[in-house]
Amino acid sequence: MASYQATPQPAADPGNTLGIVGLILAIIPCSSTIGMVLSIVAYIISRRAGFQNSKALAGIIIGAAWLIIGLILQLTMGLISGFAQMN
């Protein structure tokens, strides 16, 4: 009888689930900062384990985009309200 060895299962990405959670939270504008932070943590965990975590990278990019859009809107509205009070 021939003895067959089972092929080992590939190692799971330790930051995959956290990357998905971070991406979902980064898409929602009111929780984008939390999602960005979770995505950064997931990306670092995955990189240390030797994996590429594209979901976490997408969460970082989307969270940063929402953060920049929010800052631009706050500055714009602040300037507009400042000019309105001057007149």
C-alpha atoms as a PDB file:
ATOM      1  CA  MET A   1       0.000   0.000   0.000  1.00  0.00           C
ATOM      2  CA  ALA A   2       1.151   3.439  -0.813  1.00  0.00           C
ATOM      3  CA  SER A   3       1.100   5.984   1.942  1.00  0.00           C
ATOM      4  CA  TYR A   4      -0.276   9.329   0.937  1.00  0.00           C
ATOM      5  CA  GLN A   5       0.360  12.468   2.851  1.00  0.00           C
ATOM      6  CA  ALA A   6      -2.276  15.142   2.988  1.00  0.00           C
ATOM      7  CA  THR A   7      -1.217  18.480   1.633  1.00  0.00           C
ATOM      8  CA  PRO A   8      -0.951  21.050   4.394  1.00  0.00           C
ATOM      9  CA  GLN A   9      -3.579  23.744   4.513  1.00  0.00           C
ATOM     10  CA  PRO A  10      -2.277  27.181   3.591  1.00  0.00           C
ATOM     11  CA  ALA A  11      -1.785  29.445   6.557  1.00  0.00           C
ATOM     12  CA  ALA A  12      -4.600  31.883   7.173  1.00  0.00           C
ATOM     13  CA  ASP A  13      -3.974  35.618   7.082  1.00  0.00           C
ATOM     14  CA  PRO A  14      -4.215  36.768  10.724  1.00  0.00           C
ATOM     15  CA  GLY A  15      -5.337  40.286   9.758  1.00  0.00           C
ATOM     16  CA  ASN A  16      -7.978  39.305   7.196  1.00  0.00           C
ATOM     17  CA  THR A  17     -11.055  39.565   9.436  1.00  0.00           C
ATOM     18  CA  LEU A  18      -9.880  42.794  11.007  1.00  0.00           C
ATOM     19  CA  GLY A  19      -9.187  44.142   7.513  1.00  0.00           C
ATOM     20  CA  ILE A  20     -12.757  43.394   6.427  1.00  0.00           C
ATOM     21  CA  VAL A  21     -14.178  45.072   9.543  1.00  0.00           C
ATOM     22  CA  GLY A  22     -11.914  48.081   8.984  1.00  0.00           C
ATOM     23  CA  LEU A  23     -12.982  48.345   5.346  1.00  0.00           C
ATOM     24  CA  ILE A  24     -16.680  48.220   6.235  1.00  0.00           C
ATOM     25  CA  LEU A  25     -16.263  50.878   8.921  1.00  0.00           C
ATOM     26  CA  ALA A  26     -14.126  53.027   6.614  1.00  0.00           C
ATOM     27  CA  ILE A  27     -16.879  53.072   3.986  1.00  0.00           C
ATOM     28  CA  ILE A  28     -19.364  54.538   6.491  1.00  0.00           C
ATOM     29  CA  PRO A  29     -18.569  58.290   6.753  1.00  0.00           C
ATOM     30  CA  CYS A  30     -19.369  58.658  10.471  1.00  0.00           C
ATOM     31  CA  SER A  31     -17.008  55.828  11.453  1.00  0.00           C
ATOM     32  CA  SER A  32     -14.289  56.275   8.826  1.00  0.00           C
ATOM     33  CA  THR A  33     -11.587  57.218  11.344  1.00  0.00           C
ATOM     34  CA  ILE A  34     -12.196  54.069  13.391  1.00  0.00           C
ATOM     35  CA  GLY A  35     -12.214  52.009  10.204  1.00  0.00           C
ATOM     36  CA  MET A  36      -8.962  53.577   9.061  1.00  0.00           C
ATOM     37  CA  VAL A  37      -7.270  52.804  12.385  1.00  0.00           C
ATOM     38  CA  LEU A  38      -8.508  49.191  12.336  1.00  0.00           C
ATOM     39  CA  SER A  39      -7.348  48.849   8.734  1.00  0.00           C
ATOM     40  CA  ILE A  40      -3.887  50.132   9.642  1.00  0.00           C
ATOM     41  CA  VAL A  41      -3.662  47.600  12.483  1.00  0.00           C
ATOM     42  CA  ALA A  42      -4.839  44.782  10.190  1.00  0.00           C
ATOM     43  CA  TYR A  43      -2.358  45.808   7.493  1.00  0.00           C
ATOM     44  CA  ILE A  44       0.539  45.772   9.973  1.00  0.00           C
ATOM     45  CA  ILE A  45      -0.505  42.378  11.372  1.00  0.00           C
ATOM     46  CA  SER A  46      -0.748  40.905   7.878  1.00  0.00           C
ATOM     47  CA  ARG A  47       2.583  42.345   6.767  1.00  0.00           C
ATOM     48  CA  ARG A  48       4.352  40.891   9.816  1.00  0.00           C
ATOM     49  CA  ALA A  49       2.873  37.477   8.985  1.00  0.00           C
ATOM     50  CA  GLY A  50       4.030  37.821   5.358  1.00  0.00           C
ATOM     51  CA  PHE A  51       0.647  38.400   3.705  1.00  0.00           C
ATOM     52  CA  GLN A  52      -0.684  41.138   1.453  1.00  0.00           C
ATOM     53  CA  ASN A  53      -3.988  42.440   2.846  1.00  0.00           C
ATOM     54  CA  SER A  54      -5.670  44.370   0.054  1.00  0.00           C
ATOM     55  CA  LYS A  55      -8.882  44.810   2.064  1.00  0.00           C
ATOM     56  CA  ALA A  56      -6.986  46.598   4.808  1.00  0.00           C
ATOM     57  CA  LEU A  57      -5.165  48.747   2.251  1.00  0.00           C
ATOM     58  CA  ALA A  58      -8.505  49.707   0.683  1.00  0.00           C
ATOM     59  CA  GLY A  59      -9.828  50.573   4.158  1.00  0.00           C
ATOM     60  CA  ILE A  60      -6.825  52.816   4.774  1.00  0.00           C
ATOM     61  CA  ILE A  61      -7.308  54.619   1.454  1.00  0.00           C
ATOM     62  CA  ILE A  62     -11.081  55.044   1.848  1.00  0.00           C
ATOM     63  CA  GLY A  63     -10.759  56.149   5.487  1.00  0.00           C
ATOM     64  CA  ALA A  64      -8.102  58.711   4.561  1.00  0.00           C
ATOM     65  CA  ALA A  65     -10.264  59.985   1.684  1.00  0.00           C
ATOM     66  CA  TRP A  66     -13.265  60.474   3.999  1.00  0.00           C
ATOM     67  CA  LEU A  67     -11.028  62.183   6.548  1.00  0.00           C
ATOM     68  CA  ILE A  68      -9.665  64.608   3.936  1.00  0.00           C
ATOM     69  CA  ILE A  69     -13.152  65.290   2.524  1.00  0.00           C
ATOM     70  CA  GLY A  70     -14.432  65.982   6.043  1.00  0.00           C
ATOM     71  CA  LEU A  71     -11.591  68.395   6.783  1.00  0.00           C
ATOM     72  CA  ILE A  72     -12.114  70.225   3.500  1.00  0.00           C
ATOM     73  CA  LEU A  73     -15.839  70.548   4.181  1.00  0.00           C
ATOM     74  CA  GLN A  74     -15.234  71.815   7.710  1.00  0.00           C
ATOM     75  CA  LEU A  75     -12.743  74.412   6.524  1.00  0.00           C
ATOM     76  CA  THR A  76     -14.995  75.490   3.667  1.00  0.00           C
ATOM     77  CA  MET A  77     -18.076  75.813   5.862  1.00  0.00           C
ATOM     78  CA  GLY A  78     -16.052  77.660   8.489  1.00  0.00           C
ATOM     79  CA  LEU A  79     -14.802  80.150   5.936  1.00  0.00           C
ATOM     80  CA  ILE A  80     -18.271  80.604   4.448  1.00  0.00           C
ATOM     81  CA  SER A  81     -19.838  81.211   7.858  1.00  0.00           C
ATOM     82  CA  GLY A  82     -17.020  83.595   8.727  1.00  0.00           C
ATOM     83  CA  PHE A  83     -17.611  85.648   5.598  1.00  0.00           C
ATOM     84  CA  ALA A  84     -21.386  85.609   6.224  1.00  0.00           C
ATOM     85  CA  GLN A  85     -20.887  87.064   9.700  1.00  0.00           C
ATOM     86  CA  MET A  86     -18.653  89.821   8.363  1.00  0.00           C
ATOM     87  CA  ASN A  87     -21.394  91.154   6.025  1.00  0.00           C
END
